[in-house]
Amino acid sequence: MSEQELPGTPAEEWTPPEGSWASSAATRRSMLGNRSRDTAPELLLRSLVHAAGLRYRVDAKPLPKMRRTADMVFRPVKVAVFIDGCFWHGCPEHFVMPKTNRPYWEEKIDRNIQRDRETDGRLAEAGWLVLRFWEHLEPEACAATVIKAVAARRQEAQATMRPKQTS
């Protein structure tokens, strides 16, 4: 580890490597501290859904050959839940484009949005219901939506499995 990479070194000594997204040492530390899973909105939603008696997989691939993971996966009924961060997924209500290194961030956020739409399409083609929530939404309302969707999918599955009764 070089002296520039040592934690606790003054920010003015750090210089970003060529092509880096980090415009400063402080930005780099902040961005490295971002969680990709188990965020506060995810934990709260999972807690509410679990308290309602539903069980699910966390940070799992809905489709085996898909490289993307959903925050919550209800495999038997094919429901995938994503809790999207306002910054990373370009929330129309809260996203503010960074002023520093703007071309990098424009491309990055656009790619994230395109990947989200592609994921939604691939899952829909495979018969999955995709539920996406912004991190700023009320967790109780999101949980109610998830619970209702899973219940509806279970009912659909049971209805198709029941033999038709003849009179």
N, C-alpha and C. Protein backbone atom coordinates (compact mmCIF):
# COMPACT_ATOMS: atom_id res chain seq x y z
N MET A 1 0.86 -1.18 0.00
CA MET A 1 0.00 0.00 0.00
C MET A 1 0.90 1.23 0.00
N SER A 2 0.64 2.13 -0.92
CA SER A 2 1.47 3.32 -0.99
C SER A 2 1.02 4.32 0.07
N GLU A 3 1.85 5.34 0.29
CA GLU A 3 1.53 6.35 1.28
C GLU A 3 0.24 7.08 0.92
N GLN A 4 -0.02 7.24 -0.39
CA GLN A 4 -1.23 7.94 -0.82
C GLN A 4 -2.48 7.17 -0.44
N GLU A 5 -2.41 5.84 -0.30
CA GLU A 5 -3.57 5.02 -0.02
C GLU A 5 -3.79 4.79 1.46
N LEU A 6 -2.85 5.19 2.31
CA LEU A 6 -2.98 4.92 3.73
C LEU A 6 -4.14 5.70 4.34
N PRO A 7 -4.95 4.99 5.14
CA PRO A 7 -6.04 5.70 5.81
C PRO A 7 -5.46 6.74 6.77
N GLY A 8 -6.13 7.85 6.88
CA GLY A 8 -5.71 8.87 7.83
C GLY A 8 -4.70 9.86 7.27
N THR A 9 -4.25 9.68 6.02
CA THR A 9 -3.33 10.65 5.44
C THR A 9 -4.13 11.87 5.02
N PRO A 10 -3.55 13.03 5.08
CA PRO A 10 -4.28 14.25 4.71
C PRO A 10 -4.82 14.19 3.29
N ALA A 11 -6.02 14.71 3.10
CA ALA A 11 -6.70 14.65 1.80
C ALA A 11 -5.90 15.33 0.71
N GLU A 12 -5.16 16.39 1.04
CA GLU A 12 -4.43 17.10 -0.01
C GLU A 12 -3.27 16.29 -0.57
N GLU A 13 -2.82 15.24 0.14
CA GLU A 13 -1.74 14.39 -0.38
C GLU A 13 -2.24 13.37 -1.38
N TRP A 14 -3.53 13.08 -1.34
CA TRP A 14 -4.09 12.04 -2.19
C TRP A 14 -4.37 12.58 -3.58
N THR A 15 -3.98 11.84 -4.61
CA THR A 15 -4.32 12.21 -5.97
C THR A 15 -5.03 11.03 -6.60
N PRO A 16 -6.14 11.30 -7.27
CA PRO A 16 -6.89 10.18 -7.84
C PRO A 16 -6.12 9.52 -8.98
N PRO A 17 -6.20 8.19 -9.08
CA PRO A 17 -5.56 7.51 -10.20
C PRO A 17 -6.22 7.92 -11.51
N GLU A 18 -5.55 7.72 -12.61
CA GLU A 18 -6.06 8.06 -13.93
C GLU A 18 -7.40 7.37 -14.16
N GLY A 19 -8.42 8.13 -14.58
CA GLY A 19 -9.73 7.58 -14.88
C GLY A 19 -10.59 7.29 -13.66
N SER A 20 -10.16 7.74 -12.49
CA SER A 20 -10.90 7.48 -11.26
C SER A 20 -12.17 8.31 -11.19
N TRP A 21 -13.20 7.75 -10.55
CA TRP A 21 -14.44 8.48 -10.31
C TRP A 21 -14.31 9.42 -9.13
N ALA A 22 -13.33 9.16 -8.28
CA ALA A 22 -13.18 9.94 -7.06
C ALA A 22 -12.49 11.27 -7.35
N SER A 23 -13.17 12.35 -7.01
CA SER A 23 -12.59 13.66 -7.26
C SER A 23 -11.74 14.13 -6.08
N SER A 24 -11.88 13.48 -4.93
CA SER A 24 -11.07 13.82 -3.76
C SER A 24 -11.00 12.61 -2.84
N ALA A 25 -10.10 12.66 -1.89
CA ALA A 25 -9.98 11.57 -0.91
C ALA A 25 -11.25 11.45 -0.09
N ALA A 26 -11.85 12.59 0.24
CA ALA A 26 -13.09 12.57 1.04
C ALA A 26 -14.23 11.92 0.25
N THR A 27 -14.33 12.23 -1.04
CA THR A 27 -15.35 11.62 -1.89
C THR A 27 -15.12 10.12 -1.98
N ARG A 28 -13.87 9.73 -2.14
CA ARG A 28 -13.54 8.31 -2.23
C ARG A 28 -13.94 7.57 -0.96
N ARG A 29 -13.61 8.12 0.19
CA ARG A 29 -13.98 7.49 1.47
C ARG A 29 -15.49 7.38 1.60
N SER A 30 -16.17 8.45 1.25
CA SER A 30 -17.63 8.46 1.35
C SER A 30 -18.25 7.40 0.44
N MET A 31 -17.80 7.34 -0.79
CA MET A 31 -18.38 6.39 -1.74
C MET A 31 -18.05 4.95 -1.38
N LEU A 32 -16.86 4.70 -0.87
CA LEU A 32 -16.50 3.34 -0.45
C LEU A 32 -17.32 2.89 0.75
N GLY A 33 -17.85 3.83 1.50
CA GLY A 33 -18.66 3.51 2.67
C GLY A 33 -20.10 3.17 2.34
N ASN A 34 -20.52 3.38 1.08
CA ASN A 34 -21.90 3.07 0.69
C ASN A 34 -22.12 1.57 0.66
N ARG A 35 -23.24 1.15 1.20
CA ARG A 35 -23.57 -0.28 1.23
C ARG A 35 -24.28 -0.68 -0.06
N SER A 36 -24.03 -1.90 -0.51
CA SER A 36 -24.76 -2.40 -1.67
C SER A 36 -25.95 -3.25 -1.24
N ARG A 37 -25.97 -3.64 0.04
CA ARG A 37 -27.10 -4.40 0.57
C ARG A 37 -27.24 -4.08 2.06
N ASP A 38 -28.36 -4.49 2.62
CA ASP A 38 -28.65 -4.25 4.03
C ASP A 38 -28.67 -2.76 4.39
N THR A 39 -29.19 -1.95 3.49
CA THR A 39 -29.35 -0.53 3.78
C THR A 39 -30.51 -0.37 4.75
N ALA A 40 -30.62 0.78 5.38
CA ALA A 40 -31.70 1.03 6.34
C ALA A 40 -33.09 0.83 5.70
N PRO A 41 -33.36 1.36 4.48
CA PRO A 41 -34.68 1.12 3.88
C PRO A 41 -34.94 -0.36 3.63
N GLU A 42 -33.93 -1.11 3.21
CA GLU A 42 -34.09 -2.55 2.97
C GLU A 42 -34.41 -3.27 4.27
N LEU A 43 -33.65 -2.98 5.31
CA LEU A 43 -33.85 -3.66 6.59
C LEU A 43 -35.24 -3.39 7.15
N LEU A 44 -35.70 -2.16 7.01
CA LEU A 44 -37.02 -1.82 7.52
C LEU A 44 -38.11 -2.54 6.73
N LEU A 45 -38.01 -2.55 5.42
CA LEU A 45 -39.00 -3.24 4.60
C LEU A 45 -38.99 -4.73 4.90
N ARG A 46 -37.81 -5.31 4.97
CA ARG A 46 -37.71 -6.75 5.27
C ARG A 46 -38.33 -7.07 6.62
N SER A 47 -38.09 -6.22 7.61
CA SER A 47 -38.64 -6.44 8.93
C SER A 47 -40.17 -6.44 8.90
N LEU A 48 -40.75 -5.49 8.21
CA LEU A 48 -42.22 -5.40 8.12
C LEU A 48 -42.82 -6.60 7.38
N VAL A 49 -42.18 -6.99 6.29
CA VAL A 49 -42.68 -8.12 5.50
C VAL A 49 -42.53 -9.42 6.30
N HIS A 50 -41.41 -9.58 6.98
CA HIS A 50 -41.18 -10.76 7.80
C HIS A 50 -42.20 -10.83 8.95
N ALA A 51 -42.49 -9.69 9.57
CA ALA A 51 -43.46 -9.63 10.67
C ALA A 51 -44.86 -10.04 10.20
N ALA A 52 -45.13 -9.86 8.92
CA ALA A 52 -46.42 -10.26 8.35
C ALA A 52 -46.46 -11.75 8.04
N GLY A 53 -45.35 -12.45 8.30
CA GLY A 53 -45.33 -13.90 8.12
C GLY A 53 -44.77 -14.38 6.79
N LEU A 54 -44.29 -13.48 5.96
CA LEU A 54 -43.73 -13.89 4.67
C LEU A 54 -42.25 -14.21 4.80
N ARG A 55 -41.81 -15.19 4.05
CA ARG A 55 -40.40 -15.57 4.03
C ARG A 55 -39.88 -15.39 2.61
N TYR A 56 -38.62 -15.06 2.50
CA TYR A 56 -38.04 -14.66 1.23
C TYR A 56 -36.53 -14.88 1.27
N ARG A 57 -35.91 -14.77 0.12
CA ARG A 57 -34.45 -14.78 0.00
C ARG A 57 -33.98 -13.33 -0.06
N VAL A 58 -32.82 -13.08 0.51
CA VAL A 58 -32.25 -11.73 0.54
C VAL A 58 -31.07 -11.66 -0.42
N ASP A 59 -31.01 -10.57 -1.20
CA ASP A 59 -29.89 -10.34 -2.11
C ASP A 59 -29.63 -11.57 -2.97
N ALA A 60 -30.68 -12.04 -3.65
CA ALA A 60 -30.61 -13.28 -4.41
C ALA A 60 -30.90 -13.04 -5.89
N LYS A 61 -30.41 -13.95 -6.70
CA LYS A 61 -30.68 -13.90 -8.13
C LYS A 61 -32.06 -14.49 -8.40
N PRO A 62 -32.95 -13.72 -8.99
CA PRO A 62 -34.26 -14.30 -9.33
C PRO A 62 -34.13 -15.41 -10.38
N LEU A 63 -33.28 -15.20 -11.36
CA LEU A 63 -33.04 -16.20 -12.40
C LEU A 63 -31.62 -16.71 -12.26
N PRO A 64 -31.43 -18.01 -12.32
CA PRO A 64 -30.09 -18.58 -12.08
C PRO A 64 -28.97 -18.00 -12.96
N LYS A 65 -29.27 -17.73 -14.22
CA LYS A 65 -28.22 -17.24 -15.13
C LYS A 65 -28.13 -15.72 -15.18
N MET A 66 -28.93 -15.04 -14.37
CA MET A 66 -28.91 -13.58 -14.34
C MET A 66 -27.85 -13.11 -13.34
N ARG A 67 -27.01 -12.18 -13.75
CA ARG A 67 -25.95 -11.69 -12.88
C ARG A 67 -26.45 -10.68 -11.86
N ARG A 68 -27.70 -10.29 -11.96
CA ARG A 68 -28.24 -9.27 -11.06
C ARG A 68 -28.99 -9.90 -9.90
N THR A 69 -28.97 -9.21 -8.79
CA THR A 69 -29.68 -9.71 -7.62
C THR A 69 -30.79 -8.74 -7.23
N ALA A 70 -31.85 -9.30 -6.68
CA ALA A 70 -32.94 -8.49 -6.14
C ALA A 70 -32.74 -8.39 -4.64
N ASP A 71 -33.30 -7.37 -4.03
CA ASP A 71 -33.17 -7.19 -2.59
C ASP A 71 -33.97 -8.24 -1.83
N MET A 72 -35.12 -8.61 -2.36
CA MET A 72 -35.95 -9.66 -1.77
C MET A 72 -36.50 -10.50 -2.91
N VAL A 73 -36.44 -11.82 -2.75
CA VAL A 73 -36.93 -12.72 -3.79
C VAL A 73 -37.90 -13.72 -3.17
N PHE A 74 -39.10 -13.78 -3.74
CA PHE A 74 -40.11 -14.75 -3.36
C PHE A 74 -40.19 -15.74 -4.52
N ARG A 75 -39.31 -16.73 -4.53
CA ARG A 75 -39.14 -17.61 -5.67
C ARG A 75 -40.39 -18.41 -6.03
N PRO A 76 -41.08 -19.03 -5.08
CA PRO A 76 -42.22 -19.85 -5.47
C PRO A 76 -43.32 -19.09 -6.23
N VAL A 77 -43.48 -17.82 -5.92
CA VAL A 77 -44.52 -17.03 -6.60
C VAL A 77 -43.95 -16.04 -7.60
N LYS A 78 -42.66 -16.10 -7.79
CA LYS A 78 -41.97 -15.26 -8.77
C LYS A 78 -42.22 -13.76 -8.57
N VAL A 79 -41.85 -13.28 -7.39
CA VAL A 79 -41.92 -11.84 -7.10
C VAL A 79 -40.51 -11.39 -6.71
N ALA A 80 -40.01 -10.37 -7.39
CA ALA A 80 -38.69 -9.80 -7.10
C ALA A 80 -38.88 -8.35 -6.64
N VAL A 81 -38.26 -8.02 -5.50
CA VAL A 81 -38.41 -6.68 -4.92
C VAL A 81 -37.06 -5.97 -4.95
N PHE A 82 -37.07 -4.74 -5.43
CA PHE A 82 -35.87 -3.91 -5.47
C PHE A 82 -36.15 -2.62 -4.71
N ILE A 83 -35.23 -2.23 -3.84
CA ILE A 83 -35.32 -0.94 -3.17
C ILE A 83 -34.19 -0.09 -3.77
N ASP A 84 -34.58 0.86 -4.60
CA ASP A 84 -33.61 1.65 -5.35
C ASP A 84 -33.22 2.92 -4.61
N GLY A 85 -31.92 3.16 -4.51
CA GLY A 85 -31.41 4.39 -3.92
C GLY A 85 -31.65 5.55 -4.86
N CYS A 86 -32.03 6.68 -4.30
CA CYS A 86 -32.35 7.86 -5.11
C CYS A 86 -31.16 8.32 -5.94
N PHE A 87 -29.97 8.28 -5.37
CA PHE A 87 -28.80 8.73 -6.13
C PHE A 87 -28.44 7.72 -7.21
N TRP A 88 -28.25 6.48 -6.84
CA TRP A 88 -27.71 5.47 -7.76
C TRP A 88 -28.65 5.12 -8.90
N HIS A 89 -29.95 5.30 -8.70
CA HIS A 89 -30.90 4.90 -9.73
C HIS A 89 -31.62 6.09 -10.36
N GLY A 90 -31.17 7.30 -10.06
CA GLY A 90 -31.68 8.50 -10.73
C GLY A 90 -33.12 8.85 -10.41
N CYS A 91 -33.47 8.89 -9.14
CA CYS A 91 -34.83 9.23 -8.71
C CYS A 91 -35.24 10.58 -9.32
N PRO A 92 -36.38 10.61 -10.00
CA PRO A 92 -36.81 11.87 -10.62
C PRO A 92 -37.14 12.95 -9.59
N GLU A 93 -37.40 12.55 -8.36
CA GLU A 93 -37.77 13.50 -7.31
C GLU A 93 -36.56 14.04 -6.54
N HIS A 94 -35.55 13.18 -6.31
CA HIS A 94 -34.45 13.57 -5.41
C HIS A 94 -33.05 13.58 -6.03
N PHE A 95 -32.88 12.98 -7.17
CA PHE A 95 -31.54 12.88 -7.74
C PHE A 95 -31.01 14.25 -8.16
N VAL A 96 -29.78 14.53 -7.74
CA VAL A 96 -29.08 15.75 -8.15
C VAL A 96 -27.74 15.31 -8.73
N MET A 97 -27.51 15.68 -9.97
CA MET A 97 -26.27 15.30 -10.64
C MET A 97 -25.09 15.99 -9.97
N PRO A 98 -24.05 15.24 -9.62
CA PRO A 98 -22.86 15.87 -9.03
C PRO A 98 -22.23 16.87 -10.00
N LYS A 99 -21.69 17.93 -9.45
CA LYS A 99 -21.05 18.95 -10.29
C LYS A 99 -19.64 18.54 -10.68
N THR A 100 -19.00 17.77 -9.81
CA THR A 100 -17.64 17.33 -10.08
C THR A 100 -17.69 16.01 -10.85
N ASN A 101 -16.86 15.92 -11.87
CA ASN A 101 -16.75 14.69 -12.67
C ASN A 101 -18.09 14.33 -13.32
N ARG A 102 -18.80 15.35 -13.75
CA ARG A 102 -20.16 15.20 -14.28
C ARG A 102 -20.27 14.18 -15.42
N PRO A 103 -19.40 14.15 -16.41
CA PRO A 103 -19.54 13.16 -17.50
C PRO A 103 -19.53 11.72 -16.97
N TYR A 104 -18.66 11.45 -16.01
CA TYR A 104 -18.61 10.10 -15.44
C TYR A 104 -19.95 9.75 -14.81
N TRP A 105 -20.50 10.65 -13.98
CA TRP A 105 -21.73 10.35 -13.25
C TRP A 105 -22.94 10.28 -14.17
N GLU A 106 -22.99 11.11 -15.21
CA GLU A 106 -24.10 11.03 -16.16
C GLU A 106 -24.13 9.65 -16.80
N GLU A 107 -22.97 9.19 -17.25
CA GLU A 107 -22.90 7.87 -17.89
C GLU A 107 -23.22 6.76 -16.89
N LYS A 108 -22.69 6.86 -15.68
CA LYS A 108 -22.91 5.85 -14.65
C LYS A 108 -24.39 5.72 -14.30
N ILE A 109 -25.05 6.81 -14.02
CA ILE A 109 -26.46 6.78 -13.62
C ILE A 109 -27.33 6.32 -14.80
N ASP A 110 -27.02 6.78 -16.01
CA ASP A 110 -27.77 6.33 -17.19
C ASP A 110 -27.63 4.82 -17.38
N ARG A 111 -26.43 4.30 -17.20
CA ARG A 111 -26.22 2.84 -17.30
C ARG A 111 -27.03 2.10 -16.24
N ASN A 112 -27.05 2.63 -15.02
CA ASN A 112 -27.83 1.99 -13.95
C ASN A 112 -29.31 1.94 -14.31
N ILE A 113 -29.84 3.05 -14.83
CA ILE A 113 -31.26 3.10 -15.20
C ILE A 113 -31.55 2.12 -16.33
N GLN A 114 -30.67 2.08 -17.34
CA GLN A 114 -30.84 1.15 -18.45
C GLN A 114 -30.80 -0.29 -17.95
N ARG A 115 -29.88 -0.59 -17.05
CA ARG A 115 -29.76 -1.95 -16.49
C ARG A 115 -31.03 -2.31 -15.72
N ASP A 116 -31.58 -1.35 -14.96
CA ASP A 116 -32.83 -1.61 -14.24
C ASP A 116 -33.95 -1.97 -15.20
N ARG A 117 -34.11 -1.21 -16.29
CA ARG A 117 -35.17 -1.49 -17.26
C ARG A 117 -34.95 -2.84 -17.93
N GLU A 118 -33.70 -3.16 -18.25
CA GLU A 118 -33.40 -4.46 -18.86
C GLU A 118 -33.73 -5.60 -17.89
N THR A 119 -33.37 -5.41 -16.63
CA THR A 119 -33.68 -6.42 -15.61
C THR A 119 -35.18 -6.62 -15.50
N ASP A 120 -35.92 -5.52 -15.44
CA ASP A 120 -37.38 -5.61 -15.35
C ASP A 120 -37.95 -6.40 -16.54
N GLY A 121 -37.45 -6.10 -17.73
CA GLY A 121 -37.93 -6.78 -18.93
C GLY A 121 -37.62 -8.26 -18.94
N ARG A 122 -36.40 -8.60 -18.58
CA ARG A 122 -36.01 -10.02 -18.56
C ARG A 122 -36.83 -10.80 -17.54
N LEU A 123 -37.05 -10.21 -16.39
CA LEU A 123 -37.84 -10.90 -15.36
C LEU A 123 -39.30 -11.03 -15.79
N ALA A 124 -39.86 -9.98 -16.37
CA ALA A 124 -41.25 -10.03 -16.84
C ALA A 124 -41.42 -11.12 -17.90
N GLU A 125 -40.46 -11.22 -18.81
CA GLU A 125 -40.51 -12.26 -19.85
C GLU A 125 -40.51 -13.66 -19.24
N ALA A 126 -39.86 -13.81 -18.09
CA ALA A 126 -39.77 -15.10 -17.42
C ALA A 126 -40.94 -15.33 -16.45
N GLY A 127 -41.93 -14.41 -16.47
CA GLY A 127 -43.11 -14.58 -15.64
C GLY A 127 -43.03 -14.02 -14.24
N TRP A 128 -42.02 -13.18 -13.99
CA TRP A 128 -41.84 -12.59 -12.66
C TRP A 128 -42.59 -11.27 -12.56
N LEU A 129 -43.03 -10.98 -11.35
CA LEU A 129 -43.57 -9.66 -11.02
C LEU A 129 -42.44 -8.88 -10.37
N VAL A 130 -42.12 -7.73 -10.92
CA VAL A 130 -41.05 -6.88 -10.38
C VAL A 130 -41.67 -5.71 -9.63
N LEU A 131 -41.26 -5.56 -8.37
CA LEU A 131 -41.71 -4.43 -7.56
C LEU A 131 -40.49 -3.58 -7.25
N ARG A 132 -40.53 -2.33 -7.64
CA ARG A 132 -39.44 -1.39 -7.37
C ARG A 132 -39.95 -0.26 -6.50
N PHE A 133 -39.17 0.04 -5.47
CA PHE A 133 -39.52 1.13 -4.55
C PHE A 133 -38.33 2.05 -4.40
N TRP A 134 -38.58 3.35 -4.36
CA TRP A 134 -37.52 4.31 -4.06
C TRP A 134 -37.25 4.26 -2.56
N GLU A 135 -36.02 4.50 -2.19
CA GLU A 135 -35.63 4.43 -0.78
C GLU A 135 -36.39 5.42 0.09
N HIS A 136 -36.93 6.50 -0.49
CA HIS A 136 -37.60 7.52 0.29
C HIS A 136 -39.09 7.22 0.55
N LEU A 137 -39.62 6.18 -0.06
CA LEU A 137 -41.04 5.87 0.13
C LEU A 137 -41.31 5.31 1.52
N GLU A 138 -42.54 5.47 1.98
CA GLU A 138 -42.93 4.97 3.29
C GLU A 138 -42.82 3.45 3.33
N PRO A 139 -42.04 2.91 4.25
CA PRO A 139 -41.84 1.45 4.30
C PRO A 139 -43.13 0.68 4.52
N GLU A 140 -44.05 1.24 5.30
CA GLU A 140 -45.32 0.55 5.56
C GLU A 140 -46.13 0.38 4.28
N ALA A 141 -46.14 1.40 3.45
CA ALA A 141 -46.87 1.32 2.18
C ALA A 141 -46.19 0.32 1.23
N CYS A 142 -44.87 0.32 1.21
CA CYS A 142 -44.13 -0.63 0.38
C CYS A 142 -44.40 -2.06 0.85
N ALA A 143 -44.35 -2.26 2.16
CA ALA A 143 -44.59 -3.59 2.72
C ALA A 143 -46.00 -4.06 2.37
N ALA A 144 -46.98 -3.18 2.47
CA ALA A 144 -48.36 -3.55 2.14
C ALA A 144 -48.46 -3.98 0.68
N THR A 145 -47.76 -3.29 -0.20
CA THR A 145 -47.75 -3.64 -1.62
C THR A 145 -47.14 -5.01 -1.84
N VAL A 146 -46.02 -5.28 -1.18
CA VAL A 146 -45.34 -6.57 -1.31
C VAL A 146 -46.24 -7.69 -0.79
N ILE A 147 -46.80 -7.50 0.38
CA ILE A 147 -47.65 -8.52 1.00
C ILE A 147 -48.85 -8.83 0.11
N LYS A 148 -49.48 -7.79 -0.42
CA LYS A 148 -50.64 -7.95 -1.30
C LYS A 148 -50.25 -8.69 -2.59
N ALA A 149 -49.12 -8.32 -3.18
CA ALA A 149 -48.67 -8.95 -4.43
C ALA A 149 -48.35 -10.42 -4.22
N VAL A 150 -47.66 -10.75 -3.14
CA VAL A 150 -47.31 -12.15 -2.87
C VAL A 150 -48.58 -12.97 -2.62
N ALA A 151 -49.51 -12.41 -1.87
CA ALA A 151 -50.78 -13.10 -1.61
C ALA A 151 -51.55 -13.35 -2.90
N ALA A 152 -51.60 -12.35 -3.77
CA ALA A 152 -52.30 -12.49 -5.05
C ALA A 152 -51.65 -13.56 -5.92
N ARG A 153 -50.32 -13.57 -5.95
CA ARG A 153 -49.61 -14.57 -6.75
C ARG A 153 -49.84 -15.97 -6.19
N ARG A 154 -49.91 -16.09 -4.87
CA ARG A 154 -50.19 -17.40 -4.25
C ARG A 154 -51.58 -17.88 -4.63
N GLN A 155 -52.54 -16.97 -4.60
CA GLN A 155 -53.91 -17.34 -4.97
C GLN A 155 -53.97 -17.77 -6.43
N GLU A 156 -53.29 -17.06 -7.31
CA GLU A 156 -53.25 -17.43 -8.73
C GLU A 156 -52.66 -18.82 -8.90
N ALA A 157 -51.58 -19.10 -8.19
CA ALA A 157 -50.92 -20.40 -8.29
C ALA A 157 -51.84 -21.51 -7.79
N GLN A 158 -52.53 -21.26 -6.69
CA GLN A 158 -53.44 -22.27 -6.15
C GLN A 158 -54.62 -22.49 -7.08
N ALA A 159 -55.12 -21.44 -7.69
CA ALA A 159 -56.27 -21.55 -8.59
C ALA A 159 -55.91 -22.39 -9.82
N THR A 160 -54.70 -22.26 -10.31
CA THR A 160 -54.30 -23.03 -11.49
C THR A 160 -53.98 -24.47 -11.15
N MET A 161 -53.70 -24.75 -9.88
CA MET A 161 -53.35 -26.11 -9.47
C MET A 161 -54.60 -26.92 -9.08
N ARG A 162 -55.69 -26.27 -8.69
CA ARG A 162 -56.92 -26.97 -8.28
C ARG A 162 -57.58 -27.62 -9.48
N PRO A 163 -58.00 -28.86 -9.31
CA PRO A 163 -58.75 -29.48 -10.40
C PRO A 163 -60.15 -28.85 -10.46
N LYS A 164 -60.64 -28.73 -11.66
CA LYS A 164 -61.97 -28.15 -11.83
C LYS A 164 -63.01 -29.16 -11.35
N GLN A 165 -63.97 -28.64 -10.58
CA GLN A 165 -65.02 -29.51 -10.07
C GLN A 165 -66.17 -29.54 -11.08
N THR A 166 -66.69 -30.73 -11.28
CA THR A 166 -67.84 -30.86 -12.17
C THR A 166 -69.06 -31.13 -11.32
N SER A 167 -70.20 -30.64 -11.76
CA SER A 167 -71.41 -30.86 -10.98
C SER A 167 -72.28 -31.91 -11.58
